[in-house]
Amino acid sequence: MIDKLIEKIIDMQNPTCVGLDTDFSYLPDEMREGIATFEGVAERLIEFNMNIIDKVCDIVPAVKVQVAYYEQYGYEGLRAFDYTVNYARGRDMFVIADCKRNDIGSTAACYSKAYLGVTDVNGKKINAFPADMLTVNGYLGTDGIAPFVEDCKKHDKGIFVLVKTSNPSSGELQNLKLEDGQCIYEKMGELVEQWGSGTIGKYGYSDVGAVVGATHPEEAAKLRSELKNTFFLIPGYGAQGGNAQMLKCCFDGRGLGGIVNNSRGIICAYKKAQYSGMDYAQAARAACIDMQQDLSSTIGKMSK
């Protein structure tokens, strides 16, 4: 899976991921007017997401769909999540389901089936939410990650494990030091490298990636130097304060090694003065072009 994503990034010369963290309040006023049910919300979310996907699918390789923004609208919200995942894949985009799942081994296996594998119903294998990649929480250790890794191998999928997250308080736990002097985030990164050792592709990266925030460049640089085979999902660009210069350290000499997520900066771009006069889908495309140019000017050409 990781090789396919890398090749699409190279073809498009764009390591951008559009975050469809679509809250109903982000939609234009005219789309929200008169809506008073979760069913109505779901229909509008689907319309909004479809139009953005249609506008950016030829220039952006991937979307990240954050399930929490859909769960808040109950069953209907999950219907919108499911529709969005399938629609993006139908437009030949890579889909990262941002669900941060994990639990004990047997429960983790169920989570993995839902997003990466298949569910058996009387011998019929059915996809629940057919994402390409899934964010997971590794803090239950190896037995909680193993089912996801097995499904990655079996179904040609990928995962991104939380290592150094972009939120301001991440250091309260992740930067604590262990007896050997390692920080917790470094130990987690070490485990991620081990978990992915059997899935390394031709570009040197494995299907077991790491979530590494752009807002912590010192830690990100350290992780890049230590995790030679780990591909990064990089949140924090844009609204959270990260910029291209801060995340340059996440990439190798070929301009590879990560994909950069931007959510509100793209899906809410129509609210910015610089995109005045554009509808939300046009503004999203323009923001993606601006982001691609910003990243490329800093990271350089992405090459094989």
Protein backbone atom coordinates (compact mmCIF):
# COMPACT_ATOMS: atom_id res chain seq x y z
CA MET A 1 0.00 0.00 0.00
CA ILE A 2 2.69 2.50 0.94
CA ASP A 3 4.40 2.12 -2.45
CA LYS A 4 1.15 2.98 -4.23
CA LEU A 5 0.67 6.10 -2.12
CA ILE A 6 4.28 7.19 -2.67
CA GLU A 7 3.97 6.70 -6.43
CA LYS A 8 0.84 8.84 -6.52
CA ILE A 9 2.61 11.53 -4.50
CA ILE A 10 5.51 11.46 -6.97
CA ASP A 11 3.20 11.53 -10.01
CA MET A 12 1.33 14.55 -8.64
CA GLN A 13 4.40 16.13 -7.03
CA ASN A 14 2.14 16.73 -4.08
CA PRO A 15 2.44 15.28 -0.55
CA THR A 16 -0.87 16.86 0.49
CA CYS A 17 -3.74 15.12 2.25
CA VAL A 18 -7.09 16.93 2.46
CA GLY A 19 -8.65 16.48 5.88
CA LEU A 20 -12.40 16.05 5.53
CA ASP A 21 -13.03 16.88 9.18
CA THR A 22 -16.37 18.25 8.10
CA ASP A 23 -18.40 19.86 10.83
CA PHE A 24 -21.86 21.06 9.83
CA SER A 25 -20.95 24.54 11.05
CA TYR A 26 -18.18 24.73 8.41
CA LEU A 27 -20.70 24.64 5.58
CA PRO A 28 -21.86 27.84 3.86
CA ASP A 29 -24.96 29.45 5.37
CA GLU A 30 -27.16 28.55 2.41
CA MET A 31 -26.35 24.84 2.82
CA ARG A 32 -27.25 24.88 6.51
CA GLU A 33 -30.45 26.87 6.22
CA GLY A 34 -33.59 24.98 7.23
CA ILE A 35 -31.78 21.84 8.41
CA ALA A 36 -33.00 20.51 11.76
CA THR A 37 -32.34 16.75 11.64
CA PHE A 38 -29.29 14.49 11.53
CA GLU A 39 -30.59 13.12 8.23
CA GLY A 40 -30.55 16.60 6.76
CA VAL A 41 -27.07 17.24 8.13
CA ALA A 42 -25.78 14.01 6.59
CA GLU A 43 -27.13 14.90 3.16
CA ARG A 44 -25.42 18.27 3.28
CA LEU A 45 -22.13 16.79 4.50
CA ILE A 46 -22.19 14.31 1.64
CA GLU A 47 -22.88 17.06 -0.89
CA PHE A 48 -20.13 19.27 0.53
CA ASN A 49 -17.55 16.47 0.61
CA MET A 50 -18.40 15.20 -2.86
CA ASN A 51 -17.96 18.64 -4.39
CA ILE A 52 -14.59 19.13 -2.72
CA ILE A 53 -13.39 15.66 -3.73
CA ASP A 54 -14.45 16.31 -7.34
CA LYS A 55 -12.51 19.59 -7.36
CA VAL A 56 -9.23 18.27 -5.91
CA CYS A 57 -8.96 14.61 -6.92
CA ASP A 58 -6.80 15.38 -9.95
CA ILE A 59 -4.20 17.33 -7.95
CA VAL A 60 -4.26 15.76 -4.45
CA PRO A 61 -3.44 12.09 -3.77
CA ALA A 62 -5.32 11.48 -0.52
CA VAL A 63 -8.04 12.47 1.89
CA LYS A 64 -8.21 11.87 5.62
CA VAL A 65 -11.74 11.41 6.95
CA GLN A 66 -11.97 12.05 10.70
CA VAL A 67 -14.76 9.86 12.03
CA ALA A 68 -15.49 11.99 15.12
CA TYR A 69 -16.94 14.75 12.95
CA TYR A 70 -19.47 12.23 11.65
CA GLU A 71 -20.17 10.26 14.83
CA GLN A 72 -21.57 13.39 16.48
CA TYR A 73 -24.51 13.12 14.08
CA GLY A 74 -25.32 9.54 15.05
CA TYR A 75 -26.21 6.84 12.55
CA GLU A 76 -26.83 9.40 9.81
CA GLY A 77 -23.42 10.91 10.39
CA LEU A 78 -21.80 7.48 9.98
CA ARG A 79 -23.75 7.09 6.76
CA ALA A 80 -22.10 10.30 5.54
CA PHE A 81 -18.71 8.97 6.68
CA ASP A 82 -19.26 5.73 4.77
CA TYR A 83 -20.43 7.55 1.66
CA THR A 84 -17.44 9.90 1.77
CA VAL A 85 -14.94 7.04 2.13
CA ASN A 86 -16.43 5.16 -0.81
CA TYR A 87 -16.85 8.25 -2.97
CA ALA A 88 -13.22 9.33 -2.51
CA ARG A 89 -11.98 5.85 -3.37
CA GLY A 90 -14.21 5.90 -6.43
CA ARG A 91 -12.44 9.09 -7.52
CA ASP A 92 -9.11 7.25 -7.23
CA MET A 93 -7.99 8.99 -4.04
CA PHE A 94 -6.27 7.23 -1.16
CA VAL A 95 -8.45 7.28 1.92
CA ILE A 96 -7.07 7.49 5.45
CA ALA A 97 -9.75 6.72 8.03
CA ASP A 98 -8.78 8.84 11.02
CA CYS A 99 -10.32 6.81 13.83
CA LYS A 100 -7.38 6.21 16.22
CA ARG A 101 -8.64 2.72 17.04
CA ASN A 102 -7.15 0.18 19.42
CA ASP A 103 -8.02 -2.17 22.26
CA ILE A 104 -7.03 -5.63 23.47
CA GLY A 105 -6.17 -8.09 20.72
CA SER A 106 -9.62 -9.58 20.02
CA THR A 107 -11.31 -6.18 20.00
CA ALA A 108 -8.53 -4.64 17.93
CA ALA A 109 -9.15 -7.41 15.39
CA CYS A 110 -12.77 -6.24 15.08
CA TYR A 111 -11.70 -2.65 14.58
CA SER A 112 -9.23 -3.79 11.96
CA LYS A 113 -11.89 -5.77 10.10
CA ALA A 114 -14.11 -2.70 10.04
CA TYR A 115 -11.62 -0.45 8.26
CA LEU A 116 -8.88 -2.62 6.72
CA GLY A 117 -10.14 -6.17 6.43
CA VAL A 118 -13.40 -7.95 5.79
CA THR A 119 -16.24 -9.15 8.00
CA ASP A 120 -17.54 -12.69 7.53
CA VAL A 121 -21.34 -13.05 7.37
CA ASN A 122 -22.22 -16.72 6.83
CA GLY A 123 -19.23 -17.19 4.60
CA LYS A 124 -19.65 -13.96 2.65
CA LYS A 125 -16.77 -11.49 3.02
CA ILE A 126 -18.05 -7.92 3.30
CA ASN A 127 -16.18 -4.61 3.59
CA ALA A 128 -17.59 -2.34 6.29
CA PHE A 129 -15.73 0.97 5.83
CA PRO A 130 -13.20 0.21 3.06
CA ALA A 131 -10.40 2.67 3.81
CA ASP A 132 -6.87 2.28 2.49
CA MET A 133 -5.19 3.27 5.74
CA LEU A 134 -6.23 3.78 9.36
CA THR A 135 -4.87 5.78 12.28
CA VAL A 136 -4.35 3.67 15.40
CA ASN A 137 -3.28 4.15 19.00
CA GLY A 138 -0.34 1.96 19.98
CA TYR A 139 -0.45 2.47 23.73
CA LEU A 140 -1.82 -1.03 24.42
CA GLY A 141 1.37 -2.48 23.02
CA THR A 142 2.10 -5.17 20.47
CA ASP A 143 -0.94 -7.40 20.98
CA GLY A 144 -3.21 -4.44 20.24
CA ILE A 145 -1.36 -3.62 17.01
CA ALA A 146 -0.74 -7.13 15.64
CA PRO A 147 -4.28 -7.57 14.17
CA PHE A 148 -3.91 -4.35 12.20
CA VAL A 149 -0.49 -5.35 10.87
CA GLU A 150 -1.83 -8.74 9.82
CA ASP A 151 -4.67 -7.12 7.89
CA CYS A 152 -2.20 -4.72 6.27
CA LYS A 153 -0.29 -7.71 4.95
CA LYS A 154 -3.37 -9.71 3.98
CA HIS A 155 -5.34 -6.93 2.30
CA ASP A 156 -2.61 -4.52 1.11
CA LYS A 157 -3.51 -1.77 3.57
CA GLY A 158 -1.65 0.59 5.87
CA ILE A 159 -1.80 2.13 9.34
CA PHE A 160 -0.46 5.24 11.01
CA VAL A 161 0.38 4.84 14.71
CA LEU A 162 0.24 7.86 17.04
CA VAL A 163 3.83 8.73 17.94
CA LYS A 164 4.26 12.48 18.41
CA THR A 165 0.94 14.26 18.01
CA SER A 166 0.43 17.89 17.03
CA ASN A 167 -1.67 19.05 19.99
CA PRO A 168 -0.08 21.49 22.47
CA SER A 169 -0.26 19.18 25.50
CA SER A 170 1.15 16.10 23.77
CA GLY A 171 4.38 16.48 25.72
CA GLU A 172 2.64 15.83 29.06
CA LEU A 173 3.00 12.13 28.35
CA GLN A 174 4.84 11.68 25.07
CA ASN A 175 7.93 13.63 26.16
CA LEU A 176 8.35 11.95 29.53
CA LYS A 177 11.69 10.19 29.86
CA LEU A 178 12.14 6.50 30.52
CA GLU A 179 14.90 5.02 32.67
CA ASP A 180 17.17 4.58 29.64
CA GLY A 181 16.85 8.27 28.72
CA GLN A 182 14.49 7.73 25.81
CA CYS A 183 11.33 9.79 25.63
CA ILE A 184 8.06 7.87 25.40
CA TYR A 185 7.47 9.14 21.86
CA GLU A 186 10.88 7.78 20.83
CA LYS A 187 10.07 4.38 22.31
CA MET A 188 6.76 4.34 20.47
CA GLY A 189 8.59 5.23 17.27
CA GLU A 190 11.01 2.38 17.87
CA LEU A 191 8.09 -0.03 18.25
CA VAL A 192 6.48 1.30 15.07
CA GLU A 193 9.69 0.62 13.17
CA GLN A 194 9.69 -2.94 14.53
CA TRP A 195 6.00 -3.53 13.77
CA GLY A 196 6.53 -2.49 10.15
CA SER A 197 9.71 -4.46 9.53
CA GLY A 198 7.88 -7.14 7.54
CA THR A 199 6.07 -4.75 5.22
CA ILE A 200 8.85 -2.59 3.76
CA GLY A 201 8.29 -1.64 0.12
CA LYS A 202 10.61 -0.72 -2.72
CA TYR A 203 10.98 2.90 -1.59
CA GLY A 204 12.23 1.80 1.82
CA TYR A 205 9.09 2.61 3.78
CA SER A 206 6.73 0.20 5.49
CA ASP A 207 2.94 -0.06 5.64
CA VAL A 208 3.15 0.78 9.35
CA GLY A 209 3.56 4.54 9.50
CA ALA A 210 3.66 7.12 12.28
CA VAL A 211 1.62 10.21 13.10
CA VAL A 212 4.19 12.98 13.67
CA GLY A 213 2.98 16.55 14.11
CA ALA A 214 4.41 19.47 12.17
CA THR A 215 4.09 21.61 15.28
CA HIS A 216 6.98 19.83 17.03
CA PRO A 217 9.87 20.10 14.52
CA GLU A 218 12.65 19.21 16.97
CA GLU A 219 11.01 15.91 17.90
CA ALA A 220 10.04 15.29 14.27
CA ALA A 221 13.65 15.71 13.13
CA LYS A 222 14.81 13.28 15.78
CA LEU A 223 12.23 10.72 14.73
CA ARG A 224 13.12 11.07 11.05
CA SER A 225 16.76 10.35 11.85
CA GLU A 226 15.85 7.29 13.92
CA LEU A 227 12.98 5.79 11.89
CA LYS A 228 14.47 5.10 8.48
CA ASN A 229 11.64 2.86 7.28
CA THR A 230 8.65 4.72 8.76
CA PHE A 231 6.44 6.93 6.61
CA PHE A 232 4.89 9.91 8.44
CA LEU A 233 1.35 11.25 8.45
CA ILE A 234 1.96 14.88 9.36
CA PRO A 235 -0.89 16.86 10.95
CA GLY A 236 -0.64 20.42 12.21
CA TYR A 237 -0.06 22.34 8.97
CA GLY A 238 -2.15 25.49 8.60
CA ALA A 239 -4.76 26.17 11.26
CA GLN A 240 -2.73 24.46 14.01
CA GLY A 241 0.32 26.63 13.31
CA GLY A 242 2.62 24.30 11.39
CA ASN A 243 4.32 25.47 8.20
CA ALA A 244 6.40 23.97 5.40
CA GLN A 245 9.72 24.95 6.93
CA MET A 246 8.80 23.28 10.24
CA LEU A 247 7.96 19.96 8.59
CA LYS A 248 10.78 19.84 6.04
CA CYS A 249 12.71 17.65 8.48
CA CYS A 250 10.12 14.88 8.05
CA PHE A 251 11.25 14.19 4.48
CA ASP A 252 14.29 12.38 3.10
CA GLY A 253 16.71 13.48 0.39
CA ARG A 254 14.32 12.30 -2.34
CA GLY A 255 11.52 14.51 -1.02
CA LEU A 256 9.73 11.42 0.28
CA GLY A 257 8.80 10.14 3.71
CA GLY A 258 5.55 11.84 4.59
CA ILE A 259 2.14 13.17 3.66
CA VAL A 260 0.92 16.46 5.13
CA ASN A 261 -2.66 16.86 6.28
CA ASN A 262 -4.57 20.12 6.10
CA SER A 263 -8.20 20.17 7.15
CA ARG A 264 -9.78 23.53 7.99
CA GLY A 265 -7.24 25.39 5.86
CA ILE A 266 -8.73 23.69 2.81
CA ILE A 267 -12.37 22.89 3.53
CA CYS A 268 -12.94 26.33 5.11
CA ALA A 269 -10.74 28.22 2.63
CA TYR A 270 -13.79 29.92 1.12
CA LYS A 271 -14.05 31.99 4.31
CA LYS A 272 -10.60 33.56 3.76
CA ALA A 273 -10.21 36.94 2.09
CA GLN A 274 -7.59 35.62 -0.35
CA TYR A 275 -10.19 33.31 -1.90
CA SER A 276 -12.99 35.86 -1.97
CA GLY A 277 -15.48 35.36 -4.79
CA MET A 278 -14.92 31.60 -5.01
CA ASP A 279 -17.39 28.98 -3.88
CA TYR A 280 -16.20 26.49 -1.26
CA ALA A 281 -15.05 23.85 -3.76
CA GLN A 282 -13.18 26.36 -5.92
CA ALA A 283 -11.54 27.83 -2.81
CA ALA A 284 -10.56 24.34 -1.63
CA ARG A 285 -8.84 23.67 -4.95
CA ALA A 286 -7.03 27.02 -4.86
CA ALA A 287 -5.90 26.35 -1.29
CA CYS A 288 -4.59 22.92 -2.34
CA ILE A 289 -2.61 24.49 -5.18
CA ASP A 290 -1.15 27.09 -2.81
CA MET A 291 -0.24 24.37 -0.31
CA GLN A 292 1.38 22.20 -2.99
CA GLN A 293 3.50 25.12 -4.14
CA ASP A 294 4.46 25.95 -0.56
CA LEU A 295 5.49 22.38 0.22
CA SER A 296 7.30 21.83 -3.07
CA SER A 297 9.30 25.04 -2.74
CA THR A 298 10.53 23.86 0.65
CA ILE A 299 10.83 20.09 0.29
CA GLY A 300 11.96 20.05 -3.34
CA LYS A 301 11.14 17.61 -6.10
CA MET A 302 9.77 14.24 -5.08
CA SER A 303 11.67 11.53 -6.96
CA LYS A 304 12.12 7.78 -7.13
